[in-house]
Amino acid sequence: MSGVTWDWPLFETLNFDGPAWLDTVMKLVSGIAPWTPLYLIIIYLVWRRYSWRGTIKFLVAIGVAIALADVVSGIFKQQGLLAELWSGMPSRLRPMYTDGVEAFTNGYGRAATYGTVSGHAATIVAIAVLSSVVIARRWFSVMMTIVAVVVCYSRIYLACHFPQDILLGATLGLVSALVGWWLFRWLQRQQQKA
């Protein structure tokens, strides 16, 4: 079982051959465009609380958080670059390419070969955490938690990542959100000084 990770039994439990409608839903959930209304709602809620100046600062902060999450997860996905720190292997293959793992791609097709840290998990967790902290509404935080869990699960369902990759991505997303929160607060303080 070359390349099988410690979490492959959990992966094989979560990755199953679902019905065609579920395949379609998971592919949509894993995309960017279907979430556009949510992003617009986030911007609207930030605007209601902080006005346009605060919204611009939020957009800068969330842009930095997303970029940080995306760039760092991309580094970990590169063949031979830092992957061995987490998995003990020179390169971390995605489940769909891993020998010894029975994976249903559920109609997803093919993704990049390596996936040590999930970029989807990193970016959605960064968005969920930072927007929840800035908007500070319980119902919104619950909704964003559900969104993040569903997006992260879709990556396992589509055989793009092992659960470990999702956890590493979520951790990276949390750190990126904290950087974004620090930046947002710093920008807010700069406005108050002016």
C-alpha atoms as a PDB file:
ATOM      1  CA  MET A   1       0.000   0.000   0.000  1.00  0.00           C
ATOM      2  CA  SER A   2       2.425   2.580  -1.235  1.00  0.00           C
ATOM      3  CA  GLY A   3       1.600   6.098  -0.121  1.00  0.00           C
ATOM      4  CA  VAL A   4      -1.337   5.248   2.143  1.00  0.00           C
ATOM      5  CA  THR A   5      -1.561   7.609   5.113  1.00  0.00           C
ATOM      6  CA  TRP A   6      -2.586   7.037   8.740  1.00  0.00           C
ATOM      7  CA  ASP A   7      -6.043   8.445   8.026  1.00  0.00           C
ATOM      8  CA  TRP A   8      -6.944   6.351   5.004  1.00  0.00           C
ATOM      9  CA  PRO A   9      -9.625   4.291   6.825  1.00  0.00           C
ATOM     10  CA  LEU A  10     -11.426   7.521   7.738  1.00  0.00           C
ATOM     11  CA  PHE A  11     -11.001   8.756   4.174  1.00  0.00           C
ATOM     12  CA  GLU A  12     -12.498   5.550   2.764  1.00  0.00           C
ATOM     13  CA  THR A  13     -15.458   5.868   5.143  1.00  0.00           C
ATOM     14  CA  LEU A  14     -16.144   9.472   4.099  1.00  0.00           C
ATOM     15  CA  ASN A  15     -15.450   8.950   0.385  1.00  0.00           C
ATOM     16  CA  PHE A  16     -18.199   6.760  -1.026  1.00  0.00           C
ATOM     17  CA  ASP A  17     -19.935   6.220  -4.346  1.00  0.00           C
ATOM     18  CA  GLY A  18     -22.869   8.544  -3.880  1.00  0.00           C
ATOM     19  CA  PRO A  19     -25.826   9.181  -6.159  1.00  0.00           C
ATOM     20  CA  ALA A  20     -25.404  11.426  -9.201  1.00  0.00           C
ATOM     21  CA  TRP A  21     -27.247  14.340  -7.554  1.00  0.00           C
ATOM     22  CA  LEU A  22     -24.821  14.302  -4.615  1.00  0.00           C
ATOM     23  CA  ASP A  23     -21.863  14.227  -7.020  1.00  0.00           C
ATOM     24  CA  THR A  24     -23.274  17.345  -8.689  1.00  0.00           C
ATOM     25  CA  VAL A  25     -23.860  19.107  -5.367  1.00  0.00           C
ATOM     26  CA  MET A  26     -20.334  18.356  -4.144  1.00  0.00           C
ATOM     27  CA  LYS A  27     -18.775  19.610  -7.385  1.00  0.00           C
ATOM     28  CA  LEU A  28     -20.795  22.828  -7.064  1.00  0.00           C
ATOM     29  CA  VAL A  29     -19.865  23.225  -3.391  1.00  0.00           C
ATOM     30  CA  SER A  30     -16.198  22.781  -4.309  1.00  0.00           C
ATOM     31  CA  GLY A  31     -16.384  25.582  -6.884  1.00  0.00           C
ATOM     32  CA  ILE A  32     -16.060  29.334  -6.483  1.00  0.00           C
ATOM     33  CA  ALA A  33     -18.940  30.805  -8.488  1.00  0.00           C
ATOM     34  CA  PRO A  34     -21.803  29.250  -6.453  1.00  0.00           C
ATOM     35  CA  TRP A  35     -20.541  31.085  -3.364  1.00  0.00           C
ATOM     36  CA  THR A  36     -20.708  34.550  -4.958  1.00  0.00           C
ATOM     37  CA  PRO A  37     -24.017  35.413  -3.214  1.00  0.00           C
ATOM     38  CA  LEU A  38     -22.453  34.503   0.136  1.00  0.00           C
ATOM     39  CA  TYR A  39     -19.465  36.770  -0.538  1.00  0.00           C
ATOM     40  CA  LEU A  40     -21.833  39.613  -1.405  1.00  0.00           C
ATOM     41  CA  ILE A  41     -23.769  39.014   1.829  1.00  0.00           C
ATOM     42  CA  ILE A  42     -20.504  39.151   3.790  1.00  0.00           C
ATOM     43  CA  ILE A  43     -19.574  42.464   2.171  1.00  0.00           C
ATOM     44  CA  TYR A  44     -23.067  43.851   2.845  1.00  0.00           C
ATOM     45  CA  LEU A  45     -22.949  42.827   6.526  1.00  0.00           C
ATOM     46  CA  VAL A  46     -19.497  44.345   6.976  1.00  0.00           C
ATOM     47  CA  TRP A  47     -20.703  47.537   5.280  1.00  0.00           C
ATOM     48  CA  ARG A  48     -23.718  47.736   7.621  1.00  0.00           C
ATOM     49  CA  ARG A  49     -21.467  47.490  10.643  1.00  0.00           C
ATOM     50  CA  TYR A  50     -18.403  49.471   9.545  1.00  0.00           C
ATOM     51  CA  SER A  51     -19.493  51.675   6.571  1.00  0.00           C
ATOM     52  CA  TRP A  52     -17.537  51.839   3.319  1.00  0.00           C
ATOM     53  CA  ARG A  53     -14.211  52.692   4.962  1.00  0.00           C
ATOM     54  CA  GLY A  54     -14.427  49.650   7.178  1.00  0.00           C
ATOM     55  CA  THR A  55     -15.528  47.519   4.241  1.00  0.00           C
ATOM     56  CA  ILE A  56     -12.468  48.533   2.227  1.00  0.00           C
ATOM     57  CA  LYS A  57     -10.235  47.673   5.192  1.00  0.00           C
ATOM     58  CA  PHE A  58     -12.015  44.345   5.545  1.00  0.00           C
ATOM     59  CA  LEU A  59     -11.517  43.588   1.844  1.00  0.00           C
ATOM     60  CA  VAL A  60      -7.798  44.338   2.200  1.00  0.00           C
ATOM     61  CA  ALA A  61      -7.559  42.146   5.309  1.00  0.00           C
ATOM     62  CA  ILE A  62      -9.493  39.234   3.837  1.00  0.00           C
ATOM     63  CA  GLY A  63      -7.531  39.535   0.595  1.00  0.00           C
ATOM     64  CA  VAL A  64      -4.294  39.173   2.562  1.00  0.00           C
ATOM     65  CA  ALA A  65      -5.695  36.235   4.549  1.00  0.00           C
ATOM     66  CA  ILE A  66      -6.865  34.414   1.404  1.00  0.00           C
ATOM     67  CA  ALA A  67      -3.597  35.101  -0.434  1.00  0.00           C
ATOM     68  CA  LEU A  68      -1.561  33.838   2.522  1.00  0.00           C
ATOM     69  CA  ALA A  69      -3.672  30.667   2.789  1.00  0.00           C
ATOM     70  CA  ASP A  70      -3.508  30.040  -0.958  1.00  0.00           C
ATOM     71  CA  VAL A  71       0.222  30.689  -1.382  1.00  0.00           C
ATOM     72  CA  VAL A  72       1.317  28.621   1.624  1.00  0.00           C
ATOM     73  CA  SER A  73      -0.966  25.698   0.709  1.00  0.00           C
ATOM     74  CA  GLY A  74       0.421  25.895  -2.835  1.00  0.00           C
ATOM     75  CA  ILE A  75       3.966  25.619  -1.521  1.00  0.00           C
ATOM     76  CA  PHE A  76       3.078  22.467   0.385  1.00  0.00           C
ATOM     77  CA  LYS A  77       1.487  20.950  -2.723  1.00  0.00           C
ATOM     78  CA  GLN A  78       4.687  21.219  -4.736  1.00  0.00           C
ATOM     79  CA  GLN A  79       6.435  17.914  -5.299  1.00  0.00           C
ATOM     80  CA  GLY A  80       9.173  17.482  -2.726  1.00  0.00           C
ATOM     81  CA  LEU A  81       8.721  20.925  -1.124  1.00  0.00           C
ATOM     82  CA  LEU A  82       7.989  20.641   2.601  1.00  0.00           C
ATOM     83  CA  ALA A  83       5.554  17.755   2.102  1.00  0.00           C
ATOM     84  CA  GLU A  84       7.798  15.371   3.992  1.00  0.00           C
ATOM     85  CA  LEU A  85       7.470  17.519   7.113  1.00  0.00           C
ATOM     86  CA  TRP A  86       3.849  16.418   7.468  1.00  0.00           C
ATOM     87  CA  SER A  87       3.537  13.016   5.872  1.00  0.00           C
ATOM     88  CA  GLY A  88       6.996  11.449   6.047  1.00  0.00           C
ATOM     89  CA  MET A  89       6.913  10.995   2.265  1.00  0.00           C
ATOM     90  CA  PRO A  90       8.856  13.038  -0.265  1.00  0.00           C
ATOM     91  CA  SER A  91       5.598  13.939  -2.029  1.00  0.00           C
ATOM     92  CA  ARG A  92       1.996  13.702  -0.877  1.00  0.00           C
ATOM     93  CA  LEU A  93      -0.241  12.271  -3.569  1.00  0.00           C
ATOM     94  CA  ARG A  94      -3.927  13.061  -3.611  1.00  0.00           C
ATOM     95  CA  PRO A  95      -6.206  10.107  -2.754  1.00  0.00           C
ATOM     96  CA  MET A  96      -7.254   9.721  -6.393  1.00  0.00           C
ATOM     97  CA  TYR A  97      -3.602   8.945  -7.254  1.00  0.00           C
ATOM     98  CA  THR A  98      -2.590   6.950  -4.162  1.00  0.00           C
ATOM     99  CA  ASP A  99      -1.897   3.235  -4.558  1.00  0.00           C
ATOM    100  CA  GLY A 100      -3.826   1.057  -2.122  1.00  0.00           C
ATOM    101  CA  VAL A 101      -6.652   3.525  -1.575  1.00  0.00           C
ATOM    102  CA  GLU A 102     -10.003   2.799  -3.127  1.00  0.00           C
ATOM    103  CA  ALA A 103     -11.252   6.276  -3.982  1.00  0.00           C
ATOM    104  CA  PHE A 104     -14.407   7.337  -5.745  1.00  0.00           C
ATOM    105  CA  THR A 105     -13.735  10.554  -7.636  1.00  0.00           C
ATOM    106  CA  ASN A 106     -17.509  10.909  -8.024  1.00  0.00           C
ATOM    107  CA  GLY A 107     -17.254  12.438 -11.460  1.00  0.00           C
ATOM    108  CA  TYR A 108     -14.749  15.098 -10.435  1.00  0.00           C
ATOM    109  CA  GLY A 109     -12.184  14.167 -13.042  1.00  0.00           C
ATOM    110  CA  ARG A 110      -8.569  14.885 -12.318  1.00  0.00           C
ATOM    111  CA  ALA A 111      -6.849  17.394 -10.040  1.00  0.00           C
ATOM    112  CA  ALA A 112      -3.200  18.325  -9.571  1.00  0.00           C
ATOM    113  CA  THR A 113      -1.141  15.338  -8.467  1.00  0.00           C
ATOM    114  CA  TYR A 114      -0.151  16.534  -4.994  1.00  0.00           C
ATOM    115  CA  GLY A 115      -2.306  17.839  -2.161  1.00  0.00           C
ATOM    116  CA  THR A 116      -0.499  17.844   1.181  1.00  0.00           C
ATOM    117  CA  VAL A 117      -2.415  20.895   2.442  1.00  0.00           C
ATOM    118  CA  SER A 118      -5.903  21.602   1.147  1.00  0.00           C
ATOM    119  CA  GLY A 119      -6.086  25.052  -0.419  1.00  0.00           C
ATOM    120  CA  HIS A 120      -9.892  24.883  -0.363  1.00  0.00           C
ATOM    121  CA  ALA A 121      -9.894  24.179   3.373  1.00  0.00           C
ATOM    122  CA  ALA A 122      -7.336  26.908   4.027  1.00  0.00           C
ATOM    123  CA  THR A 123      -9.198  29.600   2.103  1.00  0.00           C
ATOM    124  CA  ILE A 124     -12.731  28.768   3.284  1.00  0.00           C
ATOM    125  CA  VAL A 125     -11.628  28.584   6.921  1.00  0.00           C
ATOM    126  CA  ALA A 126      -9.797  31.909   6.534  1.00  0.00           C
ATOM    127  CA  ILE A 127     -12.944  33.479   5.070  1.00  0.00           C
ATOM    128  CA  ALA A 128     -15.244  31.879   7.660  1.00  0.00           C
ATOM    129  CA  VAL A 129     -13.170  32.818  10.697  1.00  0.00           C
ATOM    130  CA  LEU A 130     -12.248  36.353   9.656  1.00  0.00           C
ATOM    131  CA  SER A 131     -15.735  37.296   8.479  1.00  0.00           C
ATOM    132  CA  SER A 132     -17.306  35.754  11.604  1.00  0.00           C
ATOM    133  CA  VAL A 133     -15.023  37.732  13.904  1.00  0.00           C
ATOM    134  CA  VAL A 134     -15.576  40.989  12.016  1.00  0.00           C
ATOM    135  CA  ILE A 135     -19.357  40.606  11.639  1.00  0.00           C
ATOM    136  CA  ALA A 136     -19.731  39.213  15.184  1.00  0.00           C
ATOM    137  CA  ARG A 137     -23.201  37.711  14.862  1.00  0.00           C
ATOM    138  CA  ARG A 138     -23.907  34.241  16.269  1.00  0.00           C
ATOM    139  CA  TRP A 139     -26.228  33.167  13.439  1.00  0.00           C
ATOM    140  CA  PHE A 140     -23.613  34.218  10.901  1.00  0.00           C
ATOM    141  CA  SER A 141     -20.824  32.315  12.693  1.00  0.00           C
ATOM    142  CA  VAL A 142     -22.967  29.169  12.767  1.00  0.00           C
ATOM    143  CA  MET A 143     -23.758  29.543   9.064  1.00  0.00           C
ATOM    144  CA  MET A 144     -20.079  30.053   8.164  1.00  0.00           C
ATOM    145  CA  THR A 145     -19.067  27.024  10.224  1.00  0.00           C
ATOM    146  CA  ILE A 146     -21.561  24.900   8.289  1.00  0.00           C
ATOM    147  CA  VAL A 147     -20.304  26.307   4.968  1.00  0.00           C
ATOM    148  CA  ALA A 148     -16.676  25.577   5.906  1.00  0.00           C
ATOM    149  CA  VAL A 149     -17.481  22.003   6.980  1.00  0.00           C
ATOM    150  CA  VAL A 150     -19.441  21.310   3.783  1.00  0.00           C
ATOM    151  CA  VAL A 151     -16.684  22.705   1.532  1.00  0.00           C
ATOM    152  CA  CYS A 152     -14.014  20.744   3.408  1.00  0.00           C
ATOM    153  CA  TYR A 153     -16.057  17.551   3.228  1.00  0.00           C
ATOM    154  CA  SER A 154     -16.600  18.018  -0.515  1.00  0.00           C
ATOM    155  CA  ARG A 155     -12.821  17.745  -1.019  1.00  0.00           C
ATOM    156  CA  ILE A 156     -12.807  14.326   0.681  1.00  0.00           C
ATOM    157  CA  TYR A 157     -15.933  13.195  -1.154  1.00  0.00           C
ATOM    158  CA  LEU A 158     -14.339  14.133  -4.501  1.00  0.00           C
ATOM    159  CA  ALA A 159     -11.105  12.239  -3.585  1.00  0.00           C
ATOM    160  CA  CYS A 160      -9.019  15.415  -3.747  1.00  0.00           C
ATOM    161  CA  HIS A 161      -7.752  15.258  -0.148  1.00  0.00           C
ATOM    162  CA  PHE A 162      -7.285  12.990   2.829  1.00  0.00           C
ATOM    163  CA  PRO A 163      -8.746  14.173   6.168  1.00  0.00           C
ATOM    164  CA  GLN A 164      -5.207  15.047   7.313  1.00  0.00           C
ATOM    165  CA  ASP A 165      -4.863  17.434   4.360  1.00  0.00           C
ATOM    166  CA  ILE A 166      -8.141  19.087   5.374  1.00  0.00           C
ATOM    167  CA  LEU A 167      -6.988  19.494   8.984  1.00  0.00           C
ATOM    168  CA  LEU A 168      -3.686  21.026   7.865  1.00  0.00           C
ATOM    169  CA  GLY A 169      -5.549  23.341   5.499  1.00  0.00           C
ATOM    170  CA  ALA A 170      -8.013  24.368   8.215  1.00  0.00           C
ATOM    171  CA  THR A 171      -5.125  25.115  10.579  1.00  0.00           C
ATOM    172  CA  LEU A 172      -3.452  27.229   7.915  1.00  0.00           C
ATOM    173  CA  GLY A 173      -6.780  28.998   7.312  1.00  0.00           C
ATOM    174  CA  LEU A 174      -7.113  29.782  11.009  1.00  0.00           C
ATOM    175  CA  VAL A 175      -3.603  31.260  11.145  1.00  0.00           C
ATOM    176  CA  SER A 176      -4.290  33.260   7.967  1.00  0.00           C
ATOM    177  CA  ALA A 177      -7.553  34.571   9.471  1.00  0.00           C
ATOM    178  CA  LEU A 178      -5.683  35.682  12.597  1.00  0.00           C
ATOM    179  CA  VAL A 179      -3.224  37.587  10.407  1.00  0.00           C
ATOM    180  CA  GLY A 180      -6.181  39.160   8.583  1.00  0.00           C
ATOM    181  CA  TRP A 181      -7.852  40.077  11.886  1.00  0.00           C
ATOM    182  CA  TRP A 182      -4.658  41.693  13.148  1.00  0.00           C
ATOM    183  CA  LEU A 183      -4.393  43.673   9.875  1.00  0.00           C
ATOM    184  CA  PHE A 184      -8.049  44.756  10.011  1.00  0.00           C
ATOM    185  CA  ARG A 185      -7.678  46.000  13.599  1.00  0.00           C
ATOM    186  CA  TRP A 186      -4.425  47.769  12.738  1.00  0.00           C
ATOM    187  CA  LEU A 187      -6.102  49.535   9.800  1.00  0.00           C
ATOM    188  CA  GLN A 188      -9.003  50.522  12.055  1.00  0.00           C
ATOM    189  CA  ARG A 189      -6.581  52.003  14.612  1.00  0.00           C
ATOM    190  CA  GLN A 190      -4.781  53.960  11.889  1.00  0.00           C
ATOM    191  CA  GLN A 191      -8.070  55.573  10.877  1.00  0.00           C
ATOM    192  CA  GLN A 192      -8.789  56.550  14.489  1.00  0.00           C
ATOM    193  CA  LYS A 193      -5.349  58.194  14.795  1.00  0.00           C
ATOM    194  CA  ALA A 194      -5.896  60.261  11.654  1.00  0.00           C
END
